Amino acid sequence: MFRWIVTLLATVLLAGCSVQQQEVVRPSKTEPIAAPVTQVSADRVKLEFPSAKYPETAQHIKEAIASGKSSVCTIDREGAEHNRELSLKDVPTKKGKDRDEWPMAMCSEGGEGADIKYISPKDNRGAGSWVSHQLDKYADGTKVRFIVK
């Protein structure tokens, strides 16, 4: 057996080949996940929303879309404050809860008639920050199709 292994190694070395051990690399929990935004065209993107990370917001988005609200958000940052005023004007606050809007206030589709759901502040604010960060580089007027994963 030993003689066979030596012969094999000599053949490999003479042929100019090398034998290397391959290492399996697994991403650690601290490595960043690839950006979930896909450019569809110059003014359209697709955003994969992480339901595992923000489950209450994800559920609200799914429910609102199922009830007829748009899955597309046209970015309108300047109109966000006004949209929020319109969408929340008749919805009372609840202690320990945030009022989540779909479509979001930063969408031109938001505002009056938006679907409102009470959810935990941690989920709502985390999701809002996450979405904002993902869409930072896109200009107002960009259409974003939300896909809840």
Protein backbone atom coordinates (compact mmCIF):
# COMPACT_ATOMS: atom_id res chain seq x y z
CA MET A 1 0.00 0.00 0.00
CA PHE A 2 2.79 2.40 0.97
CA ARG A 3 4.55 1.76 -2.31
CA TRP A 4 1.35 2.56 -4.26
CA ILE A 5 0.92 5.92 -2.43
CA VAL A 6 4.56 6.89 -3.11
CA THR A 7 4.11 6.03 -6.80
CA LEU A 8 0.91 8.10 -6.99
CA LEU A 9 2.53 11.11 -5.33
CA ALA A 10 5.55 10.89 -7.62
CA THR A 11 3.28 10.77 -10.66
CA VAL A 12 1.31 13.80 -9.49
CA LEU A 13 4.47 15.80 -8.79
CA LEU A 14 6.08 14.86 -12.09
CA ALA A 15 2.95 15.89 -13.97
CA GLY A 16 3.18 19.33 -12.41
CA CYS A 17 0.00 18.92 -10.40
CA SER A 18 -0.42 19.63 -6.77
CA VAL A 19 -2.79 18.11 -4.27
CA GLN A 20 -4.35 20.59 -1.88
CA GLN A 21 -6.73 20.10 0.96
CA GLN A 22 -9.86 22.21 0.52
CA GLU A 23 -11.27 24.03 3.49
CA VAL A 24 -14.99 24.48 3.91
CA VAL A 25 -15.69 28.07 4.90
CA ARG A 26 -18.91 28.77 6.75
CA PRO A 27 -20.02 32.36 7.30
CA SER A 28 -19.94 33.43 10.89
CA LYS A 29 -22.87 35.14 12.55
CA THR A 30 -20.92 38.39 12.55
CA GLU A 31 -20.29 38.47 8.80
CA PRO A 32 -22.61 40.87 6.97
CA ILE A 33 -25.32 39.34 4.84
CA ALA A 34 -25.36 40.36 1.19
CA ALA A 35 -27.54 43.37 0.45
CA PRO A 36 -31.10 42.28 -0.25
CA VAL A 37 -31.69 44.98 -2.88
CA THR A 38 -31.73 43.99 -6.55
CA GLN A 39 -31.62 46.65 -9.27
CA VAL A 40 -34.35 45.83 -11.79
CA SER A 41 -33.98 48.93 -13.99
CA ALA A 42 -32.72 52.51 -13.67
CA ASP A 43 -35.68 53.52 -11.49
CA ARG A 44 -36.88 50.16 -10.10
CA VAL A 45 -35.48 47.90 -7.39
CA LYS A 46 -36.63 44.83 -5.53
CA LEU A 47 -36.16 44.69 -1.74
CA GLU A 48 -36.28 41.38 0.11
CA PHE A 49 -37.62 42.17 3.56
CA PRO A 50 -36.35 39.82 6.33
CA SER A 51 -39.36 38.42 8.19
CA ALA A 52 -37.11 36.49 10.58
CA LYS A 53 -35.48 39.72 11.73
CA TYR A 54 -38.65 41.87 11.92
CA PRO A 55 -41.56 39.42 12.20
CA GLU A 56 -44.28 41.85 13.29
CA THR A 57 -43.53 44.33 10.52
CA ALA A 58 -43.26 41.52 7.97
CA GLN A 59 -46.63 40.13 9.01
CA HIS A 60 -48.19 43.57 8.73
CA ILE A 61 -46.76 44.09 5.24
CA LYS A 62 -48.09 40.69 4.12
CA GLU A 63 -51.55 41.39 5.58
CA ALA A 64 -51.75 44.88 4.08
CA ILE A 65 -50.71 43.68 0.62
CA ALA A 66 -53.20 40.78 0.85
CA SER A 67 -55.95 43.30 1.64
CA GLY A 68 -55.16 45.34 -1.48
CA LYS A 69 -52.40 47.75 -0.52
CA SER A 70 -49.56 48.11 -3.00
CA SER A 71 -46.39 46.04 -2.69
CA VAL A 72 -44.61 48.87 -4.52
CA CYS A 73 -43.28 51.91 -2.70
CA THR A 74 -42.26 54.99 -4.67
CA ILE A 75 -39.61 56.70 -2.55
CA ASP A 76 -40.73 60.20 -1.47
CA ARG A 77 -38.62 61.18 1.54
CA GLU A 78 -39.76 64.83 1.48
CA GLY A 79 -43.40 63.76 1.76
CA ALA A 80 -42.81 61.35 4.67
CA GLU A 81 -43.74 63.70 7.50
CA HIS A 82 -46.95 64.82 5.80
CA ASN A 83 -47.87 61.21 4.91
CA ARG A 84 -47.34 60.15 8.53
CA GLU A 85 -49.62 62.95 9.77
CA LEU A 86 -52.35 61.88 7.34
CA SER A 87 -52.11 58.15 8.00
CA LEU A 88 -52.01 58.41 11.81
CA LYS A 89 -54.39 61.35 12.40
CA ASP A 90 -57.35 59.23 13.58
CA VAL A 91 -55.35 56.37 15.12
CA PRO A 92 -54.80 56.78 18.87
CA THR A 93 -51.48 55.89 20.44
CA LYS A 94 -51.22 52.83 22.70
CA LYS A 95 -48.80 52.53 25.57
CA GLY A 96 -45.95 50.19 24.70
CA LYS A 97 -46.88 49.99 21.01
CA ASP A 98 -45.95 51.81 17.80
CA ARG A 99 -48.35 52.49 14.96
CA ASP A 100 -46.89 50.80 11.90
CA GLU A 101 -47.99 52.12 8.49
CA TRP A 102 -48.22 50.31 5.18
CA PRO A 103 -47.40 51.73 2.75
CA MET A 104 -44.72 53.43 4.79
CA ALA A 105 -44.74 57.20 5.23
CA MET A 106 -41.64 57.50 3.01
CA CYS A 107 -43.66 56.13 0.07
CA SER A 108 -45.77 58.37 -2.12
CA GLU A 109 -48.41 55.61 -1.87
CA GLY A 110 -48.51 56.16 1.92
CA GLY A 111 -50.49 58.74 3.82
CA GLU A 112 -54.27 58.86 3.98
CA GLY A 113 -55.77 55.37 3.76
CA ALA A 114 -52.60 53.56 4.80
CA ASP A 115 -53.09 50.33 6.74
CA ILE A 116 -52.15 50.83 10.41
CA LYS A 117 -51.26 48.08 12.89
CA TYR A 118 -50.00 48.28 16.47
CA ILE A 119 -46.67 46.48 16.86
CA SER A 120 -43.71 46.52 19.25
CA PRO A 121 -41.50 49.61 19.04
CA LYS A 122 -38.37 47.47 18.74
CA ASP A 123 -39.67 45.65 15.65
CA ASN A 124 -41.15 48.78 14.05
CA ARG A 125 -38.17 51.06 14.58
CA GLY A 126 -35.65 48.37 13.70
CA ALA A 127 -37.50 47.63 10.47
CA GLY A 128 -37.76 51.32 9.59
CA SER A 129 -34.07 51.84 10.16
CA TRP A 130 -33.20 48.71 8.18
CA VAL A 131 -35.34 49.75 5.20
CA SER A 132 -33.96 53.29 5.29
CA HIS A 133 -30.39 51.97 5.30
CA GLN A 134 -31.07 49.60 2.40
CA LEU A 135 -32.59 52.36 0.28
CA ASP A 136 -30.15 55.19 1.19
CA LYS A 137 -28.48 55.27 -2.21
CA TYR A 138 -31.72 55.36 -4.21
CA ALA A 139 -33.23 58.68 -5.29
CA ASP A 140 -36.75 59.87 -4.64
CA GLY A 141 -38.99 58.54 -7.39
CA THR A 142 -37.37 55.10 -7.34
CA LYS A 143 -39.98 52.35 -7.26
CA VAL A 144 -39.30 49.60 -4.72
CA ARG A 145 -41.13 46.27 -4.86
CA PHE A 146 -41.20 44.71 -1.38
CA ILE A 147 -40.82 40.95 -1.21
CA VAL A 148 -41.32 39.59 2.32
CA LYS A 149 -38.96 36.67 2.90
